[in-house]
Amino acid sequence: MLGFLTGAGLFAATWKDVFPKISQMANLGNTILPELWNLSSVLTALVFIEFTLLLLIFRSFSLTRCQLASPERHTQMLGRPAVREYDVAVV
């Protein structure tokens, strides 16, 4: 705990000296991610869309595997109990 307080005190004491230097180095102006990486904006958008779709596909595959598993296995895989049909509210 003493280390946390010491670190916080040092950070607060050096803030006025350190912040302007860091801010000057990090100020890149009004830029967007494709400009920083020197890529076309269409390519960047496609990569993010593909990554999002892959995450959704793998998540749905994982949920399907868990739903087919026994309730004990479901709890072990996801860390929460399985949801039964009558526990889910229909919207």
PDB file of N, CA and C in Angstrom:
ATOM      1  N   MET A   1       0.822  -1.183   0.000  1.00  0.00           N
ATOM      2  CA  MET A   1       0.000   0.000   0.000  1.00  0.00           C
ATOM      3  C   MET A   1       0.873   1.257   0.000  1.00  0.00           C
ATOM      4  N   LEU A   2       1.965   1.164   0.698  1.00  0.00           N
ATOM      5  CA  LEU A   2       2.875   2.307   0.750  1.00  0.00           C
ATOM      6  C   LEU A   2       3.455   2.601  -0.632  1.00  0.00           C
ATOM      7  N   GLY A   3       3.705   1.562  -1.417  1.00  0.00           N
ATOM      8  CA  GLY A   3       4.216   1.748  -2.770  1.00  0.00           C
ATOM      9  C   GLY A   3       3.222   2.469  -3.671  1.00  0.00           C
ATOM     10  N   PHE A   4       1.931   2.111  -3.526  1.00  0.00           N
ATOM     11  CA  PHE A   4       0.898   2.801  -4.308  1.00  0.00           C
ATOM     12  C   PHE A   4       0.858   4.285  -3.969  1.00  0.00           C
ATOM     13  N   LEU A   5       0.898   4.589  -2.683  1.00  0.00           N
ATOM     14  CA  LEU A   5       0.839   5.984  -2.261  1.00  0.00           C
ATOM     15  C   LEU A   5       2.086   6.749  -2.697  1.00  0.00           C
ATOM     16  N   THR A   6       3.251   6.101  -2.620  1.00  0.00           N
ATOM     17  CA  THR A   6       4.495   6.751  -3.054  1.00  0.00           C
ATOM     18  C   THR A   6       4.451   7.027  -4.558  1.00  0.00           C
ATOM     19  N   GLY A   7       4.013   6.050  -5.326  1.00  0.00           N
ATOM     20  CA  GLY A   7       3.910   6.227  -6.772  1.00  0.00           C
ATOM     21  C   GLY A   7       2.918   7.322  -7.142  1.00  0.00           C
ATOM     22  N   ALA A   8       1.785   7.366  -6.457  1.00  0.00           N
ATOM     23  CA  ALA A   8       0.798   8.407  -6.722  1.00  0.00           C
ATOM     24  C   ALA A   8       1.353   9.779  -6.374  1.00  0.00           C
ATOM     25  N   GLY A   9       2.099   9.864  -5.287  1.00  0.00           N
ATOM     26  CA  GLY A   9       2.703  11.138  -4.894  1.00  0.00           C
ATOM     27  C   GLY A   9       3.746  11.609  -5.893  1.00  0.00           C
ATOM     28  N   LEU A  10       4.585  10.683  -6.365  1.00  0.00           N
ATOM     29  CA  LEU A  10       5.589  11.041  -7.373  1.00  0.00           C
ATOM     30  C   LEU A  10       4.938  11.460  -8.685  1.00  0.00           C
ATOM     31  N   PHE A  11       3.888  10.764  -9.065  1.00  0.00           N
ATOM     32  CA  PHE A  11       3.172  11.112 -10.285  1.00  0.00           C
ATOM     33  C   PHE A  11       2.570  12.513 -10.179  1.00  0.00           C
ATOM     34  N   ALA A  12       1.950  12.811  -9.057  1.00  0.00           N
ATOM     35  CA  ALA A  12       1.342  14.125  -8.858  1.00  0.00           C
ATOM     36  C   ALA A  12       2.401  15.225  -8.819  1.00  0.00           C
ATOM     37  N   ALA A  13       3.563  14.925  -8.226  1.00  0.00           N
ATOM     38  CA  ALA A  13       4.609  15.942  -8.111  1.00  0.00           C
ATOM     39  C   ALA A  13       5.252  16.256  -9.459  1.00  0.00           C
ATOM     40  N   THR A  14       5.370  15.265 -10.331  1.00  0.00           N
ATOM     41  CA  THR A  14       6.045  15.472 -11.614  1.00  0.00           C
ATOM     42  C   THR A  14       5.082  15.786 -12.754  1.00  0.00           C
ATOM     43  N   TRP A  15       3.791  15.807 -12.488  1.00  0.00           N
ATOM     44  CA  TRP A  15       2.796  15.975 -13.538  1.00  0.00           C
ATOM     45  C   TRP A  15       2.990  17.261 -14.323  1.00  0.00           C
ATOM     46  N   LYS A  16       3.222  18.386 -13.650  1.00  0.00           N
ATOM     47  CA  LYS A  16       3.331  19.675 -14.340  1.00  0.00           C
ATOM     48  C   LYS A  16       4.576  19.752 -15.219  1.00  0.00           C
ATOM     49  N   ASP A  17       5.604  18.999 -14.897  1.00  0.00           N
ATOM     50  CA  ASP A  17       6.821  19.006 -15.705  1.00  0.00           C
ATOM     51  C   ASP A  17       6.769  17.987 -16.840  1.00  0.00           C
ATOM     52  N   VAL A  18       6.154  16.858 -16.587  1.00  0.00           N
ATOM     53  CA  VAL A  18       6.174  15.755 -17.547  1.00  0.00           C
ATOM     54  C   VAL A  18       5.066  15.873 -18.591  1.00  0.00           C
ATOM     55  N   PHE A  19       3.874  16.316 -18.192  1.00  0.00           N
ATOM     56  CA  PHE A  19       2.729  16.327 -19.106  1.00  0.00           C
ATOM     57  C   PHE A  19       2.957  17.150 -20.370  1.00  0.00           C
ATOM     58  N   PRO A  20       3.506  18.376 -20.301  1.00  0.00           N
ATOM     59  CA  PRO A  20       3.691  19.141 -21.549  1.00  0.00           C
ATOM     60  C   PRO A  20       4.637  18.454 -22.536  1.00  0.00           C
ATOM     61  N   LYS A  21       5.670  17.802 -22.042  1.00  0.00           N
ATOM     62  CA  LYS A  21       6.613  17.117 -22.933  1.00  0.00           C
ATOM     63  C   LYS A  21       5.958  15.920 -23.606  1.00  0.00           C
ATOM     64  N   ILE A  22       5.212  15.143 -22.829  1.00  0.00           N
ATOM     65  CA  ILE A  22       4.527  13.969 -23.387  1.00  0.00           C
ATOM     66  C   ILE A  22       3.447  14.411 -24.364  1.00  0.00           C
ATOM     67  N   SER A  23       2.709  15.455 -24.011  1.00  0.00           N
ATOM     68  CA  SER A  23       1.655  15.952 -24.876  1.00  0.00           C
ATOM     69  C   SER A  23       2.216  16.457 -26.203  1.00  0.00           C
ATOM     70  N   GLN A  24       3.369  17.103 -26.168  1.00  0.00           N
ATOM     71  CA  GLN A  24       3.990  17.610 -27.384  1.00  0.00           C
ATOM     72  C   GLN A  24       4.440  16.462 -28.290  1.00  0.00           C
ATOM     73  N   MET A  25       4.986  15.388 -27.693  1.00  0.00           N
ATOM     74  CA  MET A  25       5.434  14.237 -28.489  1.00  0.00           C
ATOM     75  C   MET A  25       4.251  13.474 -29.078  1.00  0.00           C
ATOM     76  N   ALA A  26       3.162  13.363 -28.316  1.00  0.00           N
ATOM     77  CA  ALA A  26       2.025  12.549 -28.745  1.00  0.00           C
ATOM     78  C   ALA A  26       1.047  13.300 -29.622  1.00  0.00           C
ATOM     79  N   ASN A  27       1.196  14.591 -29.777  1.00  0.00           N
ATOM     80  CA  ASN A  27       0.252  15.378 -30.565  1.00  0.00           C
ATOM     81  C   ASN A  27       0.529  15.173 -32.059  1.00  0.00           C
ATOM     82  N   LEU A  28      -0.308  14.386 -32.691  1.00  0.00           N
ATOM     83  CA  LEU A  28      -0.168  14.119 -34.121  1.00  0.00           C
ATOM     84  C   LEU A  28      -1.193  14.898 -34.939  1.00  0.00           C
ATOM     85  N   GLY A  29      -1.949  15.745 -34.290  1.00  0.00           N
ATOM     86  CA  GLY A  29      -2.953  16.524 -35.000  1.00  0.00           C
ATOM     87  C   GLY A  29      -4.231  15.731 -35.195  1.00  0.00           C
ATOM     88  N   ASN A  30      -5.007  16.152 -36.156  1.00  0.00           N
ATOM     89  CA  ASN A  30      -6.280  15.513 -36.450  1.00  0.00           C
ATOM     90  C   ASN A  30      -6.034  14.361 -37.429  1.00  0.00           C
ATOM     91  N   THR A  31      -5.726  13.192 -36.910  1.00  0.00           N
ATOM     92  CA  THR A  31      -5.427  12.034 -37.759  1.00  0.00           C
ATOM     93  C   THR A  31      -6.428  10.925 -37.493  1.00  0.00           C
ATOM     94  N   ILE A  32      -6.520  10.002 -38.433  1.00  0.00           N
ATOM     95  CA  ILE A  32      -7.354   8.817 -38.282  1.00  0.00           C
ATOM     96  C   ILE A  32      -6.452   7.595 -38.396  1.00  0.00           C
ATOM     97  N   LEU A  33      -6.977   6.461 -37.973  1.00  0.00           N
ATOM     98  CA  LEU A  33      -6.182   5.240 -37.906  1.00  0.00           C
ATOM     99  C   LEU A  33      -5.543   4.845 -39.240  1.00  0.00           C
ATOM    100  N   PRO A  34      -6.246   4.859 -40.364  1.00  0.00           N
ATOM    101  CA  PRO A  34      -5.597   4.492 -41.630  1.00  0.00           C
ATOM    102  C   PRO A  34      -4.425   5.412 -41.996  1.00  0.00           C
ATOM    103  N   GLU A  35      -4.517   6.682 -41.633  1.00  0.00           N
ATOM    104  CA  GLU A  35      -3.404   7.594 -41.920  1.00  0.00           C
ATOM    105  C   GLU A  35      -2.183   7.255 -41.063  1.00  0.00           C
ATOM    106  N   LEU A  36      -2.411   6.853 -39.833  1.00  0.00           N
ATOM    107  CA  LEU A  36      -1.291   6.493 -38.965  1.00  0.00           C
ATOM    108  C   LEU A  36      -0.569   5.252 -39.474  1.00  0.00           C
ATOM    109  N   TRP A  37      -1.328   4.294 -40.012  1.00  0.00           N
ATOM    110  CA  TRP A  37      -0.746   3.047 -40.507  1.00  0.00           C
ATOM    111  C   TRP A  37      -0.402   3.111 -41.988  1.00  0.00           C
ATOM    112  N   ASN A  38      -0.714   4.227 -42.641  1.00  0.00           N
ATOM    113  CA  ASN A  38      -0.451   4.416 -44.065  1.00  0.00           C
ATOM    114  C   ASN A  38      -1.183   3.356 -44.905  1.00  0.00           C
ATOM    115  N   LEU A  39      -2.476   3.181 -44.612  1.00  0.00           N
ATOM    116  CA  LEU A  39      -3.326   2.230 -45.333  1.00  0.00           C
ATOM    117  C   LEU A  39      -4.504   2.966 -45.946  1.00  0.00           C
ATOM    118  N   SER A  40      -5.143   2.308 -46.886  1.00  0.00           N
ATOM    119  CA  SER A  40      -6.376   2.893 -47.429  1.00  0.00           C
ATOM    120  C   SER A  40      -7.501   2.691 -46.410  1.00  0.00           C
ATOM    121  N   SER A  41      -8.433   3.616 -46.373  1.00  0.00           N
ATOM    122  CA  SER A  41      -9.521   3.522 -45.401  1.00  0.00           C
ATOM    123  C   SER A  41     -10.448   2.350 -45.718  1.00  0.00           C
ATOM    124  N   VAL A  42     -10.577   1.985 -46.994  1.00  0.00           N
ATOM    125  CA  VAL A  42     -11.418   0.838 -47.362  1.00  0.00           C
ATOM    126  C   VAL A  42     -10.803  -0.447 -46.827  1.00  0.00           C
ATOM    127  N   LEU A  43      -9.495  -0.607 -46.978  1.00  0.00           N
ATOM    128  CA  LEU A  43      -8.816  -1.794 -46.472  1.00  0.00           C
ATOM    129  C   LEU A  43      -8.947  -1.891 -44.960  1.00  0.00           C
ATOM    130  N   THR A  44      -8.786  -0.785 -44.276  1.00  0.00           N
ATOM    131  CA  THR A  44      -8.911  -0.787 -42.810  1.00  0.00           C
ATOM    132  C   THR A  44     -10.322  -1.167 -42.396  1.00  0.00           C
ATOM    133  N   ALA A  45     -11.331  -0.618 -43.059  1.00  0.00           N
ATOM    134  CA  ALA A  45     -12.719  -0.961 -42.738  1.00  0.00           C
ATOM    135  C   ALA A  45     -12.985  -2.439 -42.983  1.00  0.00           C
ATOM    136  N   LEU A  46     -12.478  -2.980 -44.091  1.00  0.00           N
ATOM    137  CA  LEU A  46     -12.681  -4.405 -44.383  1.00  0.00           C
ATOM    138  C   LEU A  46     -12.027  -5.301 -43.340  1.00  0.00           C
ATOM    139  N   VAL A  47     -10.847  -4.926 -42.881  1.00  0.00           N
ATOM    140  CA  VAL A  47     -10.162  -5.726 -41.855  1.00  0.00           C
ATOM    141  C   VAL A  47     -10.966  -5.726 -40.559  1.00  0.00           C
ATOM    142  N   PHE A  48     -11.468  -4.567 -40.146  1.00  0.00           N
ATOM    143  CA  PHE A  48     -12.259  -4.511 -38.919  1.00  0.00           C
ATOM    144  C   PHE A  48     -13.583  -5.251 -39.065  1.00  0.00           C
ATOM    145  N   ILE A  49     -14.219  -5.181 -40.222  1.00  0.00           N
ATOM    146  CA  ILE A  49     -15.463  -5.914 -40.449  1.00  0.00           C
ATOM    147  C   ILE A  49     -15.209  -7.419 -40.411  1.00  0.00           C
ATOM    148  N   GLU A  50     -14.144  -7.858 -41.067  1.00  0.00           N
ATOM    149  CA  GLU A  50     -13.809  -9.288 -41.065  1.00  0.00           C
ATOM    150  C   GLU A  50     -13.499  -9.778 -39.658  1.00  0.00           C
ATOM    151  N   PHE A  51     -12.753  -9.000 -38.905  1.00  0.00           N
ATOM    152  CA  PHE A  51     -12.416  -9.381 -37.531  1.00  0.00           C
ATOM    153  C   PHE A  51     -13.683  -9.496 -36.676  1.00  0.00           C
ATOM    154  N   THR A  52     -14.609  -8.555 -36.844  1.00  0.00           N
ATOM    155  CA  THR A  52     -15.860  -8.592 -36.090  1.00  0.00           C
ATOM    156  C   THR A  52     -16.682  -9.818 -36.460  1.00  0.00           C
ATOM    157  N   LEU A  53     -16.776 -10.132 -37.739  1.00  0.00           N
ATOM    158  CA  LEU A  53     -17.525 -11.320 -38.168  1.00  0.00           C
ATOM    159  C   LEU A  53     -16.898 -12.602 -37.635  1.00  0.00           C
ATOM    160  N   LEU A  54     -15.571 -12.683 -37.656  1.00  0.00           N
ATOM    161  CA  LEU A  54     -14.911 -13.872 -37.113  1.00  0.00           C
ATOM    162  C   LEU A  54     -15.182 -14.025 -35.621  1.00  0.00           C
ATOM    163  N   LEU A  55     -15.158 -12.919 -34.886  1.00  0.00           N
ATOM    164  CA  LEU A  55     -15.474 -12.996 -33.459  1.00  0.00           C
ATOM    165  C   LEU A  55     -16.895 -13.488 -33.233  1.00  0.00           C
ATOM    166  N   LEU A  56     -17.834 -12.985 -34.014  1.00  0.00           N
ATOM    167  CA  LEU A  56     -19.227 -13.420 -33.866  1.00  0.00           C
ATOM    168  C   LEU A  56     -19.390 -14.895 -34.215  1.00  0.00           C
ATOM    169  N   ILE A  57     -18.717 -15.351 -35.259  1.00  0.00           N
ATOM    170  CA  ILE A  57     -18.811 -16.754 -35.658  1.00  0.00           C
ATOM    171  C   ILE A  57     -18.239 -17.663 -34.583  1.00  0.00           C
ATOM    172  N   PHE A  58     -17.047 -17.335 -34.074  1.00  0.00           N
ATOM    173  CA  PHE A  58     -16.440 -18.176 -33.050  1.00  0.00           C
ATOM    174  C   PHE A  58     -17.229 -18.141 -31.751  1.00  0.00           C
ATOM    175  N   ARG A  59     -17.827 -16.992 -31.432  1.00  0.00           N
ATOM    176  CA  ARG A  59     -18.634 -16.908 -30.218  1.00  0.00           C
ATOM    177  C   ARG A  59     -19.890 -17.768 -30.363  1.00  0.00           C
ATOM    178  N   SER A  60     -20.528 -17.724 -31.517  1.00  0.00           N
ATOM    179  CA  SER A  60     -21.727 -18.534 -31.696  1.00  0.00           C
ATOM    180  C   SER A  60     -21.377 -20.023 -31.687  1.00  0.00           C
ATOM    181  N   PHE A  61     -20.221 -20.386 -32.235  1.00  0.00           N
ATOM    182  CA  PHE A  61     -19.790 -21.784 -32.202  1.00  0.00           C
ATOM    183  C   PHE A  61     -19.557 -22.224 -30.761  1.00  0.00           C
ATOM    184  N   SER A  62     -18.940 -21.368 -29.969  1.00  0.00           N
ATOM    185  CA  SER A  62     -18.673 -21.689 -28.571  1.00  0.00           C
ATOM    186  C   SER A  62     -19.970 -21.840 -27.796  1.00  0.00           C
ATOM    187  N   LEU A  63     -20.921 -20.934 -28.031  1.00  0.00           N
ATOM    188  CA  LEU A  63     -22.202 -21.028 -27.337  1.00  0.00           C
ATOM    189  C   LEU A  63     -22.964 -22.277 -27.754  1.00  0.00           C
ATOM    190  N   THR A  64     -22.890 -22.649 -29.031  1.00  0.00           N
ATOM    191  CA  THR A  64     -23.570 -23.854 -29.495  1.00  0.00           C
ATOM    192  C   THR A  64     -22.975 -25.087 -28.831  1.00  0.00           C
ATOM    193  N   ARG A  65     -21.651 -25.137 -28.735  1.00  0.00           N
ATOM    194  CA  ARG A  65     -21.005 -26.269 -28.057  1.00  0.00           C
ATOM    195  C   ARG A  65     -21.429 -26.346 -26.602  1.00  0.00           C
ATOM    196  N   CYS A  66     -21.527 -25.194 -25.949  1.00  0.00           N
ATOM    197  CA  CYS A  66     -21.900 -25.171 -24.540  1.00  0.00           C
ATOM    198  C   CYS A  66     -23.361 -25.561 -24.358  1.00  0.00           C
ATOM    199  N   GLN A  67     -24.218 -25.151 -25.280  1.00  0.00           N
ATOM    200  CA  GLN A  67     -25.621 -25.490 -25.158  1.00  0.00           C
ATOM    201  C   GLN A  67     -25.848 -26.979 -25.339  1.00  0.00           C
ATOM    202  N   LEU A  68     -25.007 -27.621 -26.143  1.00  0.00           N
ATOM    203  CA  LEU A  68     -25.139 -29.061 -26.347  1.00  0.00           C
ATOM    204  C   LEU A  68     -24.543 -29.846 -25.195  1.00  0.00           C
ATOM    205  N   ALA A  69     -23.681 -29.218 -24.427  1.00  0.00           N
ATOM    206  CA  ALA A  69     -23.013 -29.904 -23.324  1.00  0.00           C
ATOM    207  C   ALA A  69     -23.969 -30.018 -22.136  1.00  0.00           C
ATOM    208  N   SER A  70     -23.573 -30.828 -21.186  1.00  0.00           N
ATOM    209  CA  SER A  70     -24.363 -30.973 -19.979  1.00  0.00           C
ATOM    210  C   SER A  70     -24.299 -29.682 -19.164  1.00  0.00           C
ATOM    211  N   PRO A  71     -25.233 -29.447 -18.267  1.00  0.00           N
ATOM    212  CA  PRO A  71     -25.207 -28.226 -17.454  1.00  0.00           C
ATOM    213  C   PRO A  71     -23.915 -28.070 -16.649  1.00  0.00           C
ATOM    214  N   GLU A  72     -23.368 -29.177 -16.170  1.00  0.00           N
ATOM    215  CA  GLU A  72     -22.114 -29.101 -15.413  1.00  0.00           C
ATOM    216  C   GLU A  72     -20.963 -28.670 -16.316  1.00  0.00           C
ATOM    217  N   ARG A  73     -20.934 -29.201 -17.528  1.00  0.00           N
ATOM    218  CA  ARG A  73     -19.888 -28.844 -18.488  1.00  0.00           C
ATOM    219  C   ARG A  73     -20.040 -27.377 -18.919  1.00  0.00           C
ATOM    220  N   HIS A  74     -21.280 -26.937 -19.077  1.00  0.00           N
ATOM    221  CA  HIS A  74     -21.546 -25.550 -19.440  1.00  0.00           C
ATOM    222  C   HIS A  74     -20.975 -24.610 -18.383  1.00  0.00           C
ATOM    223  N   THR A  75     -21.203 -24.916 -17.121  1.00  0.00           N
ATOM    224  CA  THR A  75     -20.687 -24.094 -16.033  1.00  0.00           C
ATOM    225  C   THR A  75     -19.169 -24.091 -16.043  1.00  0.00           C
ATOM    226  N   GLN A  76     -18.584 -25.242 -16.321  1.00  0.00           N
ATOM    227  CA  GLN A  76     -17.125 -25.345 -16.351  1.00  0.00           C
ATOM    228  C   GLN A  76     -16.546 -24.545 -17.519  1.00  0.00           C
ATOM    229  N   MET A  77     -17.215 -24.545 -18.674  1.00  0.00           N
ATOM    230  CA  MET A  77     -16.689 -23.868 -19.853  1.00  0.00           C
ATOM    231  C   MET A  77     -16.869 -22.358 -19.777  1.00  0.00           C
ATOM    232  N   LEU A  78     -18.024 -21.878 -19.308  1.00  0.00           N
ATOM    233  CA  LEU A  78     -18.304 -20.451 -19.328  1.00  0.00           C
ATOM    234  C   LEU A  78     -18.248 -19.795 -17.954  1.00  0.00           C
ATOM    235  N   GLY A  79     -18.195 -20.562 -16.907  1.00  0.00           N
ATOM    236  CA  GLY A  79     -18.119 -19.985 -15.581  1.00  0.00           C
ATOM    237  C   GLY A  79     -19.458 -19.512 -15.042  1.00  0.00           C
ATOM    238  N   ARG A  80     -20.549 -19.887 -15.696  1.00  0.00           N
ATOM    239  CA  ARG A  80     -21.878 -19.540 -15.204  1.00  0.00           C
ATOM    240  C   ARG A  80     -22.808 -20.704 -15.514  1.00  0.00           C
ATOM    241  N   PRO A  81     -23.878 -20.856 -14.747  1.00  0.00           N
ATOM    242  CA  PRO A  81     -24.778 -21.984 -14.983  1.00  0.00           C
ATOM    243  C   PRO A  81     -25.516 -21.873 -16.306  1.00  0.00           C
ATOM    244  N   ALA A  82     -25.946 -23.005 -16.810  1.00  0.00           N
ATOM    245  CA  ALA A  82     -26.680 -23.040 -18.074  1.00  0.00           C
ATOM    246  C   ALA A  82     -28.045 -22.392 -17.895  1.00  0.00           C
ATOM    247  N   VAL A  83     -28.529 -21.734 -18.925  1.00  0.00           N
ATOM    248  CA  VAL A  83     -29.839 -21.102 -18.907  1.00  0.00           C
ATOM    249  C   VAL A  83     -30.842 -22.096 -19.454  1.00  0.00           C
ATOM    250  N   ARG A  84     -31.868 -22.361 -18.657  1.00  0.00           N
ATOM    251  CA  ARG A  84     -32.908 -23.284 -19.114  1.00  0.00           C
ATOM    252  C   ARG A  84     -33.938 -22.514 -19.908  1.00  0.00           C
ATOM    253  N   GLU A  85     -34.755 -23.213 -20.697  1.00  0.00           N
ATOM    254  CA  GLU A  85     -35.719 -22.562 -21.580  1.00  0.00           C
ATOM    255  C   GLU A  85     -36.687 -21.677 -20.804  1.00  0.00           C
ATOM    256  N   TYR A  86     -37.132 -22.125 -19.642  1.00  0.00           N
ATOM    257  CA  TYR A  86     -38.111 -21.346 -18.907  1.00  0.00           C
ATOM    258  C   TYR A  86     -37.471 -20.201 -18.119  1.00  0.00           C
ATOM    259  N   ASP A  87     -36.138 -20.080 -18.137  1.00  0.00           N
ATOM    260  CA  ASP A  87     -35.461 -18.960 -17.493  1.00  0.00           C
ATOM    261  C   ASP A  87     -35.351 -17.751 -18.417  1.00  0.00           C
ATOM    262  N   VAL A  88     -35.527 -17.966 -19.728  1.00  0.00           N
ATOM    263  CA  VAL A  88     -35.312 -16.907 -20.715  1.00  0.00           C
ATOM    264  C   VAL A  88     -36.621 -16.185 -20.980  1.00  0.00           C
ATOM    265  N   ALA A  89     -36.597 -14.875 -20.874  1.00  0.00           N
ATOM    266  CA  ALA A  89     -37.786 -14.084 -21.173  1.00  0.00           C
ATOM    267  C   ALA A  89     -37.856 -13.815 -22.663  1.00  0.00           C
ATOM    268  N   VAL A  90     -39.028 -13.924 -23.237  1.00  0.00           N
ATOM    269  CA  VAL A  90     -39.222 -13.665 -24.657  1.00  0.00           C
ATOM    270  C   VAL A  90     -39.549 -12.187 -24.820  1.00  0.00           C
ATOM    271  N   VAL A  91     -38.789 -11.524 -25.699  1.00  0.00           N
ATOM    272  CA  VAL A  91     -38.991 -10.089 -25.901  1.00  0.00           C
ATOM    273  C   VAL A  91     -39.787  -9.856 -27.155  1.00  0.00           C
TER     274      VAL A  91
END
